[in-house]
Protein backbone atom coordinates (compact mmCIF):
# COMPACT_ATOMS: atom_id res chain seq x y z
CA MET A 1 -6.06 6.13 11.11
CA VAL A 2 -4.34 4.63 8.05
CA SER A 3 -0.74 5.72 7.38
CA GLN A 4 0.08 7.92 4.41
CA GLU A 5 2.49 5.26 3.10
CA ARG A 6 -0.11 2.49 3.30
CA LEU A 7 -2.67 4.76 1.55
CA LYS A 8 -0.19 5.61 -1.18
CA ASP A 9 0.17 1.88 -1.83
CA TYR A 10 -3.57 1.43 -2.05
CA LEU A 11 -3.89 4.46 -4.38
CA GLY A 12 -1.09 3.13 -6.62
CA ARG A 13 -2.64 -0.30 -6.88
CA THR A 14 -6.00 1.06 -7.84
CA ASP A 15 -4.45 3.44 -10.33
CA GLU A 16 -2.57 0.50 -11.87
CA ALA A 17 -5.78 -1.58 -12.00
CA LEU A 18 -7.75 1.26 -13.71
CA LYS A 19 -4.98 1.46 -16.35
CA LYS A 20 -4.96 -2.35 -16.87
CA ILE A 21 -8.60 -3.21 -17.36
CA ILE A 22 -10.00 -3.62 -20.85
CA ILE A 23 -13.80 -3.76 -21.31
CA SER A 24 -14.78 -7.21 -22.51
CA PRO A 25 -18.38 -6.89 -23.79
CA PRO A 26 -18.58 -5.76 -27.42
CA GLU A 27 -20.00 -2.25 -28.31
CA LYS A 28 -23.49 -3.62 -29.06
CA SER A 29 -23.72 -5.83 -26.06
CA HIS A 30 -26.21 -4.99 -23.33
CA LEU A 31 -23.38 -5.49 -20.85
CA ARG A 32 -21.23 -2.78 -22.40
CA PRO A 33 -22.93 0.16 -20.66
CA ILE A 34 -22.79 -1.69 -17.42
CA ALA A 35 -19.04 -2.19 -17.76
CA GLU A 36 -18.59 1.47 -18.66
CA ASP A 37 -20.74 2.51 -15.61
CA PHE A 38 -18.61 0.36 -13.23
CA ILE A 39 -15.50 1.95 -14.55
CA ARG A 40 -17.06 5.47 -14.25
CA MET A 41 -17.96 4.72 -10.66
CA ALA A 42 -14.46 3.45 -9.91
CA ARG A 43 -12.80 6.43 -11.44
CA CYS A 44 -15.15 8.92 -9.53
CA TYR A 45 -14.31 7.23 -6.29
CA TYR A 46 -10.61 7.11 -7.13
CA ASP A 47 -10.70 10.83 -7.96
CA ASP A 48 -12.32 11.52 -4.65
CA ALA A 49 -9.70 9.44 -2.89
CA ILE A 50 -6.98 11.58 -4.46
CA HIS A 51 -8.81 14.81 -3.58
CA PHE A 52 -9.13 13.69 0.07
CA PHE A 53 -5.56 12.55 0.13
CA ASP A 54 -4.39 15.95 -1.08
CA GLN A 55 -6.44 17.59 1.71
CA GLY A 56 -4.91 15.41 4.24
CA LYS A 57 -8.19 13.60 4.99
CA LEU A 58 -6.62 10.10 4.96
CA ASP A 59 -9.57 8.21 6.40
CA ASP A 60 -11.89 9.61 3.74
CA SER A 61 -9.37 8.88 1.09
CA PHE A 62 -8.97 5.27 2.34
CA ALA A 63 -12.75 4.76 2.22
CA CYS A 64 -12.99 6.09 -1.29
CA VAL A 65 -10.09 4.10 -2.66
CA ASN A 66 -11.66 0.91 -1.20
CA TYR A 67 -14.97 1.69 -2.95
CA ALA A 68 -13.15 2.34 -6.17
CA HIS A 69 -11.39 -0.95 -6.12
CA GLY A 70 -14.49 -2.71 -5.02
CA TRP A 71 -16.22 -1.57 -8.27
CA LEU A 72 -13.28 -2.89 -10.27
CA ASP A 73 -13.24 -6.28 -8.47
CA ALA A 74 -16.95 -6.66 -8.95
CA GLY A 75 -16.63 -5.97 -12.68
CA ALA A 76 -13.76 -8.35 -13.00
CA ARG A 77 -15.64 -11.13 -11.14
CA LEU A 78 -18.68 -10.55 -13.40
CA GLY A 79 -16.49 -10.84 -16.50
CA LEU A 80 -16.97 -7.22 -17.60
CA TYR A 81 -13.26 -6.68 -17.95
CA ASP A 82 -10.25 -8.53 -19.34
CA THR A 83 -7.76 -8.29 -16.47
CA GLY A 84 -5.17 -10.56 -18.08
CA GLY A 85 -5.75 -13.04 -15.25
CA ASP A 86 -4.11 -10.65 -12.83
CA ASP A 87 -4.98 -11.98 -9.37
CA ARG A 88 -2.70 -9.53 -7.62
CA LEU A 89 -4.70 -6.46 -8.62
CA PHE A 90 -8.11 -8.10 -8.84
CA THR A 91 -10.10 -10.61 -6.87
CA LEU A 92 -10.93 -13.17 -9.48
CA ALA A 93 -13.20 -16.18 -9.27
CA GLU A 94 -11.75 -19.56 -10.11
């Protein structure tokens, strides 16, 4: 089982990442709805992670926060977001 402290760290990093990303594709780009969908999925999983955390279901929360951050990393690697080159919060390709 993951510790509450470790999980708080993961939740904090994902929250920080959600606040940092800026959608890169312009409004009329066919990639814009994809970028928005990736963010929507990340936020839904993040919200679920918070819900499970509040219920004391730490394993479920840990799973959800990892899915949330996975969506953010995938979008960053695909170039859907401007992450400011932050390779602490995101897994970026070089």
